[in-house]
Amino acid sequence: MVLTNQGSEEDSSGEHQRLGHISKQGNSLLRFLLVEAAQVTVRSDPEWRRKYFHLALRRGRKIAKVAMARRLAVRLYWMWRKEWDYEQWKKFGLHAGQPGTGIGVHSNTE
């Protein structure tokens, strides 16, 4: 993600693309707001809370906060890209439209 400089490192192979961490380059206000928004999401969404505490136990609270902020940034990016609102995201999730999921837009081939 160019706006947050998340793509500073890339390790891609085959169909999988792994982007790097949130770097300290770029807009510091945007990073701050993402972390704050992620903390609110962790407090209000049980799934995010579970993921945060799992990460916090493994890696520490500070790293878990930044990881959740990155997860939020990625989710917001894909919602923007697919022009979905939050309810659509909750319904279909990340794997919508991929083969084998049975979820997503189905074409009418008559």
Protein backbone atom coordinates (compact mmCIF):
# COMPACT_ATOMS: atom_id res chain seq x y z
CA MET A 1 0.00 0.00 0.00
CA VAL A 2 1.70 3.12 -1.21
CA LEU A 3 -0.02 5.52 1.15
CA THR A 4 1.26 3.74 4.24
CA ASN A 5 4.52 2.44 2.71
CA GLN A 6 3.61 -1.12 3.57
CA GLY A 7 5.09 -2.47 0.38
CA SER A 8 8.68 -1.63 1.27
CA GLU A 9 9.59 -5.32 1.36
CA GLU A 10 8.09 -7.99 -0.84
CA ASP A 11 8.50 -11.76 -0.90
CA SER A 12 6.35 -13.25 -3.65
CA SER A 13 6.19 -16.73 -5.10
CA GLY A 14 3.67 -18.30 -7.45
CA GLU A 15 0.16 -17.15 -6.64
CA HIS A 16 1.06 -15.75 -3.22
CA GLN A 17 2.22 -12.22 -2.60
CA ARG A 18 3.59 -11.21 0.79
CA LEU A 19 4.10 -7.54 1.47
CA GLY A 20 6.35 -6.10 4.14
CA HIS A 21 5.62 -4.46 7.45
CA ILE A 22 4.50 -0.91 8.19
CA SER A 23 7.64 1.16 7.92
CA LYS A 24 8.36 4.39 9.76
CA GLN A 25 8.52 6.21 6.44
CA GLY A 26 5.46 7.95 5.10
CA ASN A 27 2.70 9.82 6.84
CA SER A 28 3.10 9.55 10.63
CA LEU A 29 -0.41 10.93 11.23
CA LEU A 30 -1.89 8.16 9.08
CA ARG A 31 0.05 5.52 11.03
CA PHE A 32 -1.12 7.03 14.32
CA LEU A 33 -4.76 7.09 13.17
CA LEU A 34 -4.58 3.49 11.92
CA VAL A 35 -3.26 2.29 15.28
CA GLU A 36 -5.96 4.24 17.13
CA ALA A 37 -8.69 2.88 14.84
CA ALA A 38 -7.34 -0.66 15.24
CA GLN A 39 -7.48 -0.30 19.04
CA VAL A 40 -11.13 0.75 18.84
CA THR A 41 -11.85 -2.18 16.53
CA VAL A 42 -10.14 -4.58 18.95
CA ARG A 43 -12.31 -3.28 21.79
CA SER A 44 -15.55 -3.56 19.81
CA ASP A 45 -15.16 -6.69 17.62
CA PRO A 46 -14.74 -10.07 19.39
CA GLU A 47 -12.90 -11.65 16.43
CA TRP A 48 -10.38 -8.81 16.29
CA ARG A 49 -10.01 -8.92 20.08
CA ARG A 50 -9.20 -12.65 19.93
CA LYS A 51 -6.62 -12.11 17.19
CA TYR A 52 -5.06 -9.19 19.06
CA PHE A 53 -4.66 -11.12 22.33
CA HIS A 54 -3.26 -14.13 20.48
CA LEU A 55 -0.65 -11.89 18.83
CA ALA A 56 0.04 -9.97 22.05
CA LEU A 57 0.85 -13.19 23.89
CA ARG A 58 3.18 -14.35 21.12
CA ARG A 59 4.87 -11.11 20.06
CA GLY A 60 4.07 -8.44 22.65
CA ARG A 61 1.48 -5.68 22.86
CA LYS A 62 3.28 -3.05 20.78
CA ILE A 63 3.86 -5.39 17.85
CA ALA A 64 0.30 -6.68 18.11
CA LYS A 65 -1.07 -3.12 17.91
CA VAL A 66 0.88 -2.38 14.75
CA ALA A 67 -0.07 -5.75 13.25
CA MET A 68 -3.75 -5.05 13.85
CA ALA A 69 -3.34 -1.57 12.34
CA ARG A 70 -1.82 -3.15 9.23
CA ARG A 71 -4.65 -5.70 9.08
CA LEU A 72 -7.15 -2.83 9.27
CA ALA A 73 -5.31 -0.91 6.52
CA VAL A 74 -5.39 -3.97 4.25
CA ARG A 75 -9.09 -4.51 4.95
CA LEU A 76 -9.88 -0.85 4.24
CA TYR A 77 -7.85 -1.00 1.02
CA TRP A 78 -9.77 -4.02 -0.28
CA MET A 79 -13.13 -2.56 0.76
CA TRP A 80 -12.24 0.58 -1.19
CA ARG A 81 -10.96 -1.45 -4.13
CA LYS A 82 -14.09 -3.64 -4.36
CA GLU A 83 -16.39 -0.72 -3.46
CA TRP A 84 -17.86 -2.69 -0.55
CA ASP A 85 -19.23 -1.38 2.70
CA TYR A 86 -18.48 -3.05 6.02
CA GLU A 87 -21.62 -5.21 5.98
CA GLN A 88 -20.64 -6.67 2.60
CA TRP A 89 -17.15 -7.37 3.92
CA LYS A 90 -18.54 -9.16 6.97
CA LYS A 91 -20.84 -11.24 4.77
CA PHE A 92 -18.33 -12.28 2.10
CA GLY A 93 -14.95 -11.84 3.78
CA LEU A 94 -11.55 -11.95 2.16
CA HIS A 95 -12.14 -15.09 0.09
CA ALA A 96 -15.23 -13.92 -1.82
CA GLY A 97 -15.09 -14.65 -5.52
CA GLN A 98 -12.28 -17.19 -5.25
CA PRO A 99 -12.85 -20.63 -6.77
CA GLY A 100 -14.11 -23.27 -4.38
CA THR A 101 -15.63 -20.96 -1.79
CA GLY A 102 -19.17 -20.86 -3.17
CA ILE A 103 -19.35 -17.24 -2.08
CA GLY A 104 -19.37 -14.17 -4.24
CA VAL A 105 -20.94 -12.87 -7.40
CA HIS A 106 -22.23 -15.57 -9.70
CA SER A 107 -22.59 -14.85 -13.40
CA ASN A 108 -25.82 -15.66 -15.18
CA THR A 109 -24.92 -17.71 -18.28
CA GLU A 110 -28.17 -18.34 -20.11
